PDB file of N, CA and C in Angstrom:
ATOM      1  N   ALA A   1       1.029  -1.278  -0.006  1.00  0.00           N
ATOM      2  CA  ALA A   1       0.126  -0.006  -0.277  1.00  0.00           C
ATOM      3  C   ALA A   1       0.723   1.200  -0.230  1.00  0.00           C
ATOM      4  N   ALA A   2       1.880   1.100   0.393  1.00  0.00           N
ATOM      5  CA  ALA A   2       2.826   2.119   0.208  1.00  0.00           C
ATOM      6  C   ALA A   2       2.706   2.918  -0.990  1.00  0.00           C
ATOM      7  N   GLY A   3       2.677   2.250  -2.374  1.00  0.00           N
ATOM      8  CA  GLY A   3       2.240   3.156  -3.563  1.00  0.00           C
ATOM      9  C   GLY A   3       1.248   3.699  -3.912  1.00  0.00           C
ATOM     10  N   VAL A   4       0.669   3.770  -3.211  1.00  0.00           N
ATOM     11  CA  VAL A   4      -1.014   3.924  -3.057  1.00  0.00           C
ATOM     12  C   VAL A   4      -1.093   5.239  -2.101  1.00  0.00           C
ATOM     13  N   GLN A   5      -0.400   5.227  -0.969  1.00  0.00           N
ATOM     14  CA  GLN A   5       0.033   5.942  -0.087  1.00  0.00           C
ATOM     15  C   GLN A   5       0.799   7.247  -0.828  1.00  0.00           C
ATOM     16  N   ALA A   6       2.197   7.019  -1.840  1.00  0.00           N
ATOM     17  CA  ALA A   6       2.494   8.017  -2.504  1.00  0.00           C
ATOM     18  C   ALA A   6       1.565   8.560  -3.711  1.00  0.00           C
ATOM     19  N   LEU A   7       0.540   7.977  -3.961  1.00  0.00           N
ATOM     20  CA  LEU A   7       0.227   8.950  -5.140  1.00  0.00           C
ATOM     21  C   LEU A   7      -0.993   9.174  -4.162  1.00  0.00           C
ATOM     22  N   ALA A   8      -1.485   8.746  -3.150  1.00  0.00           N
ATOM     23  CA  ALA A   8      -2.308   9.756  -2.637  1.00  0.00           C
ATOM     24  C   ALA A   8      -1.751  10.908  -1.916  1.00  0.00           C
ATOM     25  N   VAL A   9      -0.670  11.179  -1.730  1.00  0.00           N
ATOM     26  CA  VAL A   9      -0.497  12.424  -1.470  1.00  0.00           C
ATOM     27  C   VAL A   9       0.193  12.966  -1.901  1.00  0.00           C
ATOM     28  N   SER A  10       0.274  12.561  -3.231  1.00  0.00           N
ATOM     29  CA  SER A  10       1.044  13.728  -4.288  1.00  0.00           C
ATOM     30  C   SER A  10       0.053  14.604  -4.643  1.00  0.00           C
ATOM     31  N   SER A  11       0.968  15.696  -4.961  1.00  0.00           N
ATOM     32  CA  SER A  11       0.229  16.782  -5.396  1.00  0.00           C
ATOM     33  C   SER A  11       0.706  16.983  -6.797  1.00  0.00           C
ATOM     34  N   PHE A  12       1.059  16.300  -7.541  1.00  0.00           N
ATOM     35  CA  PHE A  12       1.421  16.338  -8.918  1.00  0.00           C
ATOM     36  C   PHE A  12       0.406  16.163  -9.958  1.00  0.00           C
ATOM     37  N   PHE A  13      -0.534  15.538  -9.378  1.00  0.00           N
ATOM     38  CA  PHE A  13      -1.907  15.321 -10.154  1.00  0.00           C
ATOM     39  C   PHE A  13      -3.134  16.173 -10.199  1.00  0.00           C
ATOM     40  N   PRO A  14      -2.891  17.441  -9.683  1.00  0.00           N
ATOM     41  CA  PRO A  14      -4.088  17.911  -9.548  1.00  0.00           C
ATOM     42  C   PRO A  14      -5.311  17.849 -10.778  1.00  0.00           C
ATOM     43  N   ASN A  15      -4.816  17.508 -12.069  1.00  0.00           N
ATOM     44  CA  ASN A  15      -6.186  17.154 -12.482  1.00  0.00           C
ATOM     45  C   ASN A  15      -6.163  15.747 -13.296  1.00  0.00           C
ATOM     46  N   LEU A  16      -6.120  14.433 -12.621  1.00  0.00           N
ATOM     47  CA  LEU A  16      -5.976  13.436 -12.766  1.00  0.00           C
ATOM     48  C   LEU A  16      -7.521  12.888 -12.395  1.00  0.00           C
ATOM     49  N   SER A  17      -8.431  12.616 -13.806  1.00  0.00           N
ATOM     50  CA  SER A  17      -9.523  11.824 -14.082  1.00  0.00           C
ATOM     51  C   SER A  17      -9.965  10.932 -14.185  1.00  0.00           C
ATOM     52  N   SER A  18      -8.769  10.296 -14.218  1.00  0.00           N
ATOM     53  CA  SER A  18      -9.361   8.378 -14.308  1.00  0.00           C
ATOM     54  C   SER A  18      -7.863   7.694 -13.271  1.00  0.00           C
ATOM     55  N   LEU A  19      -8.226   7.258 -12.201  1.00  0.00           N
ATOM     56  CA  LEU A  19      -7.402   6.248 -12.334  1.00  0.00           C
ATOM     57  C   LEU A  19      -7.683   4.492 -11.527  1.00  0.00           C
ATOM     58  N   ASP A  20      -6.920   4.136 -11.865  1.00  0.00           N
ATOM     59  CA  ASP A  20      -7.172   2.652 -12.009  1.00  0.00           C
ATOM     60  C   ASP A  20      -6.307   1.965 -11.543  1.00  0.00           C
ATOM     61  N   VAL A  21      -6.174   1.258 -10.216  1.00  0.00           N
ATOM     62  CA  VAL A  21      -5.537   0.513  -9.339  1.00  0.00           C
ATOM     63  C   VAL A  21      -6.271  -0.839  -9.196  1.00  0.00           C
ATOM     64  N   SER A  22      -6.621  -1.361  -9.862  1.00  0.00           N
ATOM     65  CA  SER A  22      -7.219  -2.753 -10.208  1.00  0.00           C
ATOM     66  C   SER A  22      -6.229  -3.662 -10.161  1.00  0.00           C
ATOM     67  N   LYS A  23      -6.300  -4.824  -9.496  1.00  0.00           N
ATOM     68  CA  LYS A  23      -5.513  -6.003  -9.034  1.00  0.00           C
ATOM     69  C   LYS A  23      -4.158  -5.365  -8.554  1.00  0.00           C
ATOM     70  N   ASN A  24      -4.275  -4.749  -6.982  1.00  0.00           N
ATOM     71  CA  ASN A  24      -3.007  -4.572  -6.698  1.00  0.00           C
ATOM     72  C   ASN A  24      -2.830  -4.723  -5.693  1.00  0.00           C
ATOM     73  N   ASP A  25      -3.678  -5.550  -5.271  1.00  0.00           N
ATOM     74  CA  ASP A  25      -4.009  -6.061  -3.469  1.00  0.00           C
ATOM     75  C   ASP A  25      -3.755  -5.044  -2.364  1.00  0.00           C
ATOM     76  N   ILE A  26      -4.507  -3.524  -2.567  1.00  0.00           N
ATOM     77  CA  ILE A  26      -4.237  -2.821  -2.312  1.00  0.00           C
ATOM     78  C   ILE A  26      -4.997  -2.823  -0.301  1.00  0.00           C
ATOM     79  N   GLY A  27      -5.551  -3.812  -0.572  1.00  0.00           N
ATOM     80  CA  GLY A  27      -6.674  -4.228   0.444  1.00  0.00           C
ATOM     81  C   GLY A  27      -6.764  -2.677   1.068  1.00  0.00           C
ATOM     82  N   VAL A  28      -7.549  -2.991   2.640  1.00  0.00           N
ATOM     83  CA  VAL A  28      -8.166  -1.924   2.901  1.00  0.00           C
ATOM     84  C   VAL A  28      -7.510  -0.681   3.782  1.00  0.00           C
ATOM     85  N   ALA A  29      -6.269  -1.250   3.814  1.00  0.00           N
ATOM     86  CA  ALA A  29      -5.203   0.494   4.404  1.00  0.00           C
ATOM     87  C   ALA A  29      -5.118   1.651   2.431  1.00  0.00           C
ATOM     88  N   GLY A  30      -4.855   0.905   1.713  1.00  0.00           N
ATOM     89  CA  GLY A  30      -4.471   1.124   0.689  1.00  0.00           C
ATOM     90  C   GLY A  30      -6.160   2.237  -0.268  1.00  0.00           C
ATOM     91  N   ILE A  31      -7.046   1.645   0.468  1.00  0.00           N
ATOM     92  CA  ILE A  31      -8.414   2.605   0.171  1.00  0.00           C
ATOM     93  C   ILE A  31      -8.844   3.514   0.891  1.00  0.00           C
ATOM     94  N   GLN A  32      -8.201   3.438   2.045  1.00  0.00           N
ATOM     95  CA  GLN A  32      -8.104   4.264   2.643  1.00  0.00           C
ATOM     96  C   GLN A  32      -7.533   5.466   2.842  1.00  0.00           C
ATOM     97  N   GLU A  33      -6.215   5.083   2.062  1.00  0.00           N
ATOM     98  CA  GLU A  33      -5.330   6.263   2.137  1.00  0.00           C
ATOM     99  C   GLU A  33      -5.977   6.676   0.751  1.00  0.00           C
ATOM    100  N   LEU A  34      -6.687   6.299  -0.338  1.00  0.00           N
ATOM    101  CA  LEU A  34      -7.376   7.514  -1.301  1.00  0.00           C
ATOM    102  C   LEU A  34      -8.403   7.774  -0.764  1.00  0.00           C
ATOM    103  N   ALA A  35      -9.462   7.417  -0.091  1.00  0.00           N
ATOM    104  CA  ALA A  35     -10.535   7.861   0.389  1.00  0.00           C
ATOM    105  C   ALA A  35      -9.973   9.166   1.358  1.00  0.00           C
ATOM    106  N   ALA A  36      -9.093   8.936   1.886  1.00  0.00           N
ATOM    107  CA  ALA A  36      -8.283  10.582   2.674  1.00  0.00           C
ATOM    108  C   ALA A  36      -7.741  11.513   2.070  1.00  0.00           C
ATOM    109  N   SER A  37      -7.483  11.064   0.229  1.00  0.00           N
ATOM    110  CA  SER A  37      -6.621  11.763  -0.428  1.00  0.00           C
ATOM    111  C   SER A  37      -7.686  12.946  -0.763  1.00  0.00           C
ATOM    112  N   SER A  38      -7.142  14.188  -0.080  1.00  0.00           N
ATOM    113  CA  SER A  38      -7.789  15.825  -1.050  1.00  0.00           C
ATOM    114  C   SER A  38      -7.279  15.838  -2.541  1.00  0.00           C
ATOM    115  N   SER A  39      -6.019  15.223  -2.907  1.00  0.00           N
ATOM    116  CA  SER A  39      -5.541  15.440  -4.011  1.00  0.00           C
ATOM    117  C   SER A  39      -5.751  14.983  -5.660  1.00  0.00           C
ATOM    118  N   LEU A  40      -7.038  13.783  -4.822  1.00  0.00           N
ATOM    119  CA  LEU A  40      -7.728  12.874  -6.221  1.00  0.00           C
ATOM    120  C   LEU A  40      -8.777  13.835  -6.339  1.00  0.00           C
ATOM    121  N   PHE A  41      -9.250  14.902  -6.066  1.00  0.00           N
ATOM    122  CA  PHE A  41     -10.569  16.149  -6.383  1.00  0.00           C
ATOM    123  C   PHE A  41     -11.145  15.742  -7.773  1.00  0.00           C
ATOM    124  N   SER A  42     -10.280  15.810  -8.736  1.00  0.00           N
ATOM    125  CA  SER A  42     -10.729  15.370 -10.112  1.00  0.00           C
ATOM    126  C   SER A  42     -11.037  14.569 -10.598  1.00  0.00           C
ATOM    127  N   LEU A  43     -11.178  13.820  -9.763  1.00  0.00           N
ATOM    128  CA  LEU A  43     -11.215  11.718 -10.359  1.00  0.00           C
ATOM    129  C   LEU A  43     -12.615  11.844 -10.964  1.00  0.00           C
ATOM    130  N   THR A  44     -12.930  11.074 -12.409  1.00  0.00           N
ATOM    131  CA  THR A  44     -14.475  10.765 -12.708  1.00  0.00           C
ATOM    132  C   THR A  44     -14.546   9.651 -12.294  1.00  0.00           C
ATOM    133  N   TYR A  45     -13.247   8.786 -13.004  1.00  0.00           N
ATOM    134  CA  TYR A  45     -13.389   7.320 -12.648  1.00  0.00           C
ATOM    135  C   TYR A  45     -12.096   6.726 -12.411  1.00  0.00           C
ATOM    136  N   LEU A  46     -12.419   5.560 -11.083  1.00  0.00           N
ATOM    137  CA  LEU A  46     -11.750   4.882  -9.907  1.00  0.00           C
ATOM    138  C   LEU A  46     -12.589   3.470 -10.061  1.00  0.00           C
ATOM    139  N   ASN A  47     -10.974   2.879 -10.113  1.00  0.00           N
ATOM    140  CA  ASN A  47     -10.964   1.116 -10.885  1.00  0.00           C
ATOM    141  C   ASN A  47     -10.458   0.419  -9.036  1.00  0.00           C
ATOM    142  N   VAL A  48     -10.864   0.066  -8.188  1.00  0.00           N
ATOM    143  CA  VAL A  48     -10.489  -0.290  -7.061  1.00  0.00           C
ATOM    144  C   VAL A  48     -10.827  -1.978  -7.077  1.00  0.00           C
ATOM    145  N   SER A  49     -11.159  -2.311  -8.534  1.00  0.00           N
ATOM    146  CA  SER A  49     -11.331  -3.872  -8.215  1.00  0.00           C
ATOM    147  C   SER A  49     -10.810  -5.362  -8.186  1.00  0.00           C
ATOM    148  N   GLU A  50     -10.617  -6.131  -7.893  1.00  0.00           N
ATOM    149  CA  GLU A  50      -9.889  -7.102  -7.518  1.00  0.00           C
ATOM    150  C   GLU A  50      -8.392  -6.356  -6.510  1.00  0.00           C
ATOM    151  N   ASN A  51      -9.363  -5.872  -5.197  1.00  0.00           N
ATOM    152  CA  ASN A  51      -8.165  -5.814  -4.321  1.00  0.00           C
ATOM    153  C   ASN A  51      -8.348  -5.739  -3.164  1.00  0.00           C
ATOM    154  N   ARG A  52      -9.054  -7.275  -2.862  1.00  0.00           N
ATOM    155  CA  ARG A  52      -9.399  -7.664  -1.481  1.00  0.00           C
ATOM    156  C   ARG A  52      -9.996  -6.522  -0.701  1.00  0.00           C
ATOM    157  N   ILE A  53     -10.490  -5.343  -1.017  1.00  0.00           N
ATOM    158  CA  ILE A  53     -11.008  -4.002  -0.161  1.00  0.00           C
ATOM    159  C   ILE A  53     -12.412  -5.032   0.842  1.00  0.00           C
ATOM    160  N   CYS A  54     -12.247  -4.511   1.977  1.00  0.00           N
ATOM    161  CA  CYS A  54     -13.965  -5.061   2.650  1.00  0.00           C
ATOM    162  C   CYS A  54     -14.447  -3.996   2.892  1.00  0.00           C
ATOM    163  N   ALA A  55     -15.428  -4.105   3.815  1.00  0.00           N
ATOM    164  CA  ALA A  55     -16.538  -3.333   4.189  1.00  0.00           C
ATOM    165  C   ALA A  55     -15.988  -1.469   4.728  1.00  0.00           C
ATOM    166  N   ALA A  56     -14.790  -2.067   5.762  1.00  0.00           N
ATOM    167  CA  ALA A  56     -14.581  -1.028   6.280  1.00  0.00           C
ATOM    168  C   ALA A  56     -13.449  -0.387   5.316  1.00  0.00           C
ATOM    169  N   GLY A  57     -13.390  -0.475   3.910  1.00  0.00           N
ATOM    170  CA  GLY A  57     -12.315   0.270   2.950  1.00  0.00           C
ATOM    171  C   GLY A  57     -13.833   0.855   2.488  1.00  0.00           C
ATOM    172  N   VAL A  58     -15.000   0.297   2.115  1.00  0.00           N
ATOM    173  CA  VAL A  58     -15.936   1.091   1.289  1.00  0.00           C
ATOM    174  C   VAL A  58     -16.609   1.819   2.113  1.00  0.00           C
ATOM    175  N   GLN A  59     -16.715   1.546   3.333  1.00  0.00           N
ATOM    176  CA  GLN A  59     -16.868   3.029   4.143  1.00  0.00           C
ATOM    177  C   GLN A  59     -16.528   4.091   4.029  1.00  0.00           C
ATOM    178  N   ALA A  60     -15.071   3.356   3.863  1.00  0.00           N
ATOM    179  CA  ALA A  60     -14.209   5.117   4.188  1.00  0.00           C
ATOM    180  C   ALA A  60     -14.467   5.963   3.119  1.00  0.00           C
ATOM    181  N   LEU A  61     -14.457   5.130   1.736  1.00  0.00           N
ATOM    182  CA  LEU A  61     -14.566   6.362   0.130  1.00  0.00           C
ATOM    183  C   LEU A  61     -16.019   6.601   0.393  1.00  0.00           C
ATOM    184  N   ALA A  62     -17.538   5.665   1.027  1.00  0.00           N
ATOM    185  CA  ALA A  62     -18.763   6.594   1.441  1.00  0.00           C
ATOM    186  C   ALA A  62     -18.402   7.578   2.201  1.00  0.00           C
ATOM    187  N   ALA A  63     -17.614   7.747   3.212  1.00  0.00           N
ATOM    188  CA  ALA A  63     -17.459   8.827   3.640  1.00  0.00           C
ATOM    189  C   ALA A  63     -16.870  10.150   3.092  1.00  0.00           C
ATOM    190  N   SER A  64     -16.137   9.742   2.080  1.00  0.00           N
ATOM    191  CA  SER A  64     -15.316  10.702   2.019  1.00  0.00           C
ATOM    192  C   SER A  64     -15.868  11.714   0.798  1.00  0.00           C
ATOM    193  N   SER A  65     -15.540  13.355   1.269  1.00  0.00           N
ATOM    194  CA  SER A  65     -16.070  13.971   0.253  1.00  0.00           C
ATOM    195  C   SER A  65     -15.488  14.719  -0.510  1.00  0.00           C
ATOM    196  N   PHE A  66     -14.177  13.511  -0.861  1.00  0.00           N
ATOM    197  CA  PHE A  66     -13.392  14.485  -1.779  1.00  0.00           C
ATOM    198  C   PHE A  66     -13.103  13.832  -3.475  1.00  0.00           C
ATOM    199  N   PHE A  67     -14.670  13.063  -3.462  1.00  0.00           N
ATOM    200  CA  PHE A  67     -15.036  12.369  -4.938  1.00  0.00           C
ATOM    201  C   PHE A  67     -15.593  13.462  -5.359  1.00  0.00           C
ATOM    202  N   PRO A  68     -15.988  14.278  -5.336  1.00  0.00           N
ATOM    203  CA  PRO A  68     -17.089  15.119  -5.838  1.00  0.00           C
ATOM    204  C   PRO A  68     -17.969  15.524  -7.382  1.00  0.00           C
ATOM    205  N   GLU A  69     -16.330  14.703  -8.075  1.00  0.00           N
ATOM    206  CA  GLU A  69     -16.748  14.291  -9.862  1.00  0.00           C
ATOM    207  C   GLU A  69     -16.642  13.054  -9.967  1.00  0.00           C
ATOM    208  N   LEU A  70     -16.888  12.206  -8.747  1.00  0.00           N
ATOM    209  CA  LEU A  70     -17.044  10.730  -9.380  1.00  0.00           C
ATOM    210  C   LEU A  70     -18.019  10.452 -10.002  1.00  0.00           C
ATOM    211  N   ALA A  71     -17.573  10.108 -11.505  1.00  0.00           N
ATOM    212  CA  ALA A  71     -19.007   9.381 -12.114  1.00  0.00           C
ATOM    213  C   ALA A  71     -19.248   7.699 -12.468  1.00  0.00           C
ATOM    214  N   SER A  72     -17.919   7.499 -12.274  1.00  0.00           N
ATOM    215  CA  SER A  72     -17.629   6.190 -12.443  1.00  0.00           C
ATOM    216  C   SER A  72     -16.599   5.422 -11.534  1.00  0.00           C
ATOM    217  N   MET A  73     -17.196   3.841 -10.725  1.00  0.00           N
ATOM    218  CA  MET A  73     -16.365   3.584 -10.279  1.00  0.00           C
ATOM    219  C   MET A  73     -16.519   2.061 -10.101  1.00  0.00           C
ATOM    220  N   ASP A  74     -15.746   1.269 -10.066  1.00  0.00           N
ATOM    221  CA  ASP A  74     -15.634  -0.619 -10.276  1.00  0.00           C
ATOM    222  C   ASP A  74     -14.847  -0.649  -9.289  1.00  0.00           C
ATOM    223  N   ALA A  75     -15.914  -1.024  -8.459  1.00  0.00           N
ATOM    224  CA  ALA A  75     -15.481  -2.297  -6.807  1.00  0.00           C
ATOM    225  C   ALA A  75     -15.540  -3.676  -6.769  1.00  0.00           C
ATOM    226  N   SER A  76     -15.855  -4.053  -8.021  1.00  0.00           N
ATOM    227  CA  SER A  76     -16.143  -5.295  -8.337  1.00  0.00           C
ATOM    228  C   SER A  76     -14.737  -6.279  -7.822  1.00  0.00           C
ATOM    229  N   LYS A  77     -15.329  -7.695  -7.839  1.00  0.00           N
ATOM    230  CA  LYS A  77     -14.362  -8.864  -7.256  1.00  0.00           C
ATOM    231  C   LYS A  77     -13.541  -8.571  -6.012  1.00  0.00           C
ATOM    232  N   ASN A  78     -14.609  -7.631  -4.726  1.00  0.00           N
ATOM    233  CA  ASN A  78     -13.910  -7.694  -3.486  1.00  0.00           C
ATOM    234  C   ASN A  78     -14.436  -8.212  -2.927  1.00  0.00           C
ATOM    235  N   GLU A  79     -14.705  -7.458  -1.132  1.00  0.00           N
ATOM    236  CA  GLU A  79     -15.457  -8.385  -0.337  1.00  0.00           C
ATOM    237  C   GLU A  79     -15.787  -7.056   0.434  1.00  0.00           C
ATOM    238  N   ILE A  80     -16.781  -6.624  -0.442  1.00  0.00           N
ATOM    239  CA  ILE A  80     -17.556  -5.223   0.701  1.00  0.00           C
ATOM    240  C   ILE A  80     -18.923  -5.692   0.881  1.00  0.00           C
ATOM    241  N   GLY A  81     -19.428  -6.819   0.701  1.00  0.00           N
ATOM    242  CA  GLY A  81     -19.955  -7.065   1.707  1.00  0.00           C
ATOM    243  C   GLY A  81     -21.497  -6.756   1.961  1.00  0.00           C
ATOM    244  N   ASP A  82     -22.752  -6.962   2.227  1.00  0.00           N
ATOM    245  CA  ASP A  82     -23.467  -5.800   2.667  1.00  0.00           C
ATOM    246  C   ASP A  82     -23.801  -4.769   3.084  1.00  0.00           C
ATOM    247  N   ALA A  83     -22.885  -4.554   4.411  1.00  0.00           N
ATOM    248  CA  ALA A  83     -22.575  -3.192   5.205  1.00  0.00           C
ATOM    249  C   ALA A  83     -21.757  -2.108   4.010  1.00  0.00           C
ATOM    250  N   GLY A  84     -20.649  -2.660   3.475  1.00  0.00           N
ATOM    251  CA  GLY A  84     -20.212  -2.028   2.119  1.00  0.00           C
ATOM    252  C   GLY A  84     -21.287  -1.426   1.025  1.00  0.00           C
ATOM    253  N   MET A  85     -21.776  -2.209   1.086  1.00  0.00           N
ATOM    254  CA  MET A  85     -23.127  -1.848  -0.381  1.00  0.00           C
ATOM    255  C   MET A  85     -24.017  -0.525   0.228  1.00  0.00           C
ATOM    256  N   GLN A  86     -24.015  -1.235   1.927  1.00  0.00           N
ATOM    257  CA  GLN A  86     -25.157  -0.450   1.937  1.00  0.00           C
ATOM    258  C   GLN A  86     -24.252   1.093   2.658  1.00  0.00           C
ATOM    259  N   ALA A  87     -23.022   1.501   2.983  1.00  0.00           N
ATOM    260  CA  ALA A  87     -22.460   2.710   3.103  1.00  0.00           C
ATOM    261  C   ALA A  87     -22.367   3.029   1.669  1.00  0.00           C
ATOM    262  N   LEU A  88     -22.369   2.883   0.801  1.00  0.00           N
ATOM    263  CA  LEU A  88     -22.207   2.974  -0.847  1.00  0.00           C
ATOM    264  C   LEU A  88     -23.569   3.563  -1.134  1.00  0.00           C
ATOM    265  N   ALA A  89     -24.315   3.213  -0.731  1.00  0.00           N
ATOM    266  CA  ALA A  89     -26.248   3.246  -1.061  1.00  0.00           C
ATOM    267  C   ALA A  89     -26.601   4.866  -0.580  1.00  0.00           C
ATOM    268  N   ALA A  90     -26.080   4.939   1.144  1.00  0.00           N
ATOM    269  CA  ALA A  90     -26.603   5.782   1.814  1.00  0.00           C
ATOM    270  C   ALA A  90     -25.723   7.178   1.496  1.00  0.00           C
ATOM    271  N   SER A  91     -24.445   7.463   1.038  1.00  0.00           N
ATOM    272  CA  SER A  91     -23.223   8.353   1.377  1.00  0.00           C
ATOM    273  C   SER A  91     -23.838   9.786   0.277  1.00  0.00           C
ATOM    274  N   ILE A  92     -24.392  10.563   0.886  1.00  0.00           N
ATOM    275  CA  ILE A  92     -24.088  11.671  -0.226  1.00  0.00           C
ATOM    276  C   ILE A  92     -23.015  12.104  -0.684  1.00  0.00           C
ATOM    277  N   PHE A  93     -21.824  11.398  -0.882  1.00  0.00           N
ATOM    278  CA  PHE A  93     -20.879  12.268  -1.039  1.00  0.00           C
ATOM    279  C   PHE A  93     -20.093  11.866  -2.988  1.00  0.00           C
ATOM    280  N   PHE A  94     -21.330  11.329  -3.658  1.00  0.00           N
ATOM    281  CA  PHE A  94     -21.173  11.019  -4.834  1.00  0.00           C
ATOM    282  C   PHE A  94     -22.493  11.332  -5.292  1.00  0.00           C
ATOM    283  N   PRO A  95     -22.482  13.187  -5.846  1.00  0.00           N
ATOM    284  CA  PRO A  95     -23.496  13.825  -6.643  1.00  0.00           C
ATOM    285  C   PRO A  95     -23.353  13.208  -8.031  1.00  0.00           C
ATOM    286  N   LYS A  96     -22.321  12.892  -8.551  1.00  0.00           N
ATOM    287  CA  LYS A  96     -22.304  12.696 -10.034  1.00  0.00           C
ATOM    288  C   LYS A  96     -22.254  11.253 -10.548  1.00  0.00           C
ATOM    289  N   LEU A  97     -22.382  10.473  -9.501  1.00  0.00           N
ATOM    290  CA  LEU A  97     -22.153   8.983  -9.747  1.00  0.00           C
ATOM    291  C   LEU A  97     -22.625   8.709 -10.707  1.00  0.00           C
ATOM    292  N   THR A  98     -22.982   7.739 -11.594  1.00  0.00           N
ATOM    293  CA  THR A  98     -23.734   6.962 -12.925  1.00  0.00           C
ATOM    294  C   THR A  98     -23.352   6.160 -12.941  1.00  0.00           C
ATOM    295  N   SER A  99     -22.442   5.445 -12.763  1.00  0.00           N
ATOM    296  CA  SER A  99     -21.951   3.734 -13.027  1.00  0.00           C
ATOM    297  C   SER A  99     -21.091   3.374 -11.729  1.00  0.00           C
ATOM    298  N   LEU A 100     -22.126   2.170 -11.480  1.00  0.00           N
ATOM    299  CA  LEU A 100     -21.342   1.425 -10.143  1.00  0.00           C
ATOM    300  C   LEU A 100     -21.301  -0.114 -10.426  1.00  0.00           C
ATOM    301  N   ASN A 101     -19.820  -0.637 -10.418  1.00  0.00           N
ATOM    302  CA  ASN A 101     -20.045  -2.022 -10.918  1.00  0.00           C
ATOM    303  C   ASN A 101     -19.798  -2.779  -9.442  1.00  0.00           C
ATOM    304  N   VAL A 102     -20.232  -3.462  -8.787  1.00  0.00           N
ATOM    305  CA  VAL A 102     -20.254  -4.226  -7.638  1.00  0.00           C
ATOM    306  C   VAL A 102     -20.227  -5.633  -7.394  1.00  0.00           C
ATOM    307  N   SER A 103     -20.394  -6.229  -8.668  1.00  0.00           N
ATOM    308  CA  SER A 103     -20.335  -7.661  -9.292  1.00  0.00           C
ATOM    309  C   SER A 103     -19.451  -8.682  -8.440  1.00  0.00           C
ATOM    310  N   VAL A 104     -19.828  -9.710  -8.022  1.00  0.00           N
ATOM    311  CA  VAL A 104     -19.000 -10.541  -7.415  1.00  0.00           C
ATOM    312  C   VAL A 104     -18.636  -9.177  -5.809  1.00  0.00           C
ATOM    313  N   ASN A 105     -19.110  -9.225  -5.248  1.00  0.00           N
ATOM    314  CA  ASN A 105     -18.515  -9.272  -3.928  1.00  0.00           C
ATOM    315  C   ASN A 105     -19.654 -10.020  -2.711  1.00  0.00           C
ATOM    316  N   ARG A 106     -20.546 -10.767  -2.696  1.00  0.00           N
ATOM    317  CA  ARG A 106     -21.135 -11.607  -1.787  1.00  0.00           C
ATOM    318  C   ARG A 106     -22.122 -10.682  -0.921  1.00  0.00           C
ATOM    319  N   LEU A 107     -22.898 -10.191  -2.476  1.00  0.00           N
ATOM    320  CA  LEU A 107     -24.012  -8.923  -1.195  1.00  0.00           C
ATOM    321  C   LEU A 107     -25.562  -9.607  -0.893  1.00  0.00           C
TER     322      LEU A 107
END
């Protein structure tokens, strides 16, 4: 997750609109780093599929106000479960989200 942490705190990508960190085994720690990053404010697409993310990781994303432009997110093939899906469904922080892939998550 050190690479994700470096990306999350970097100020060199203020206009980054698409981020794919799929299949990197970032786990909860990595997704929490992304969720806490004010540097990724411009993201419109986020792919965190196949990263062993559980409900706690998705709950961190759902509680983050740093993704106001996010239109599409792929969180498939993780372990978010019912609690993670409930957090996403209740989140007020994704006003532009139009596409959400949560397939293969034991919902």
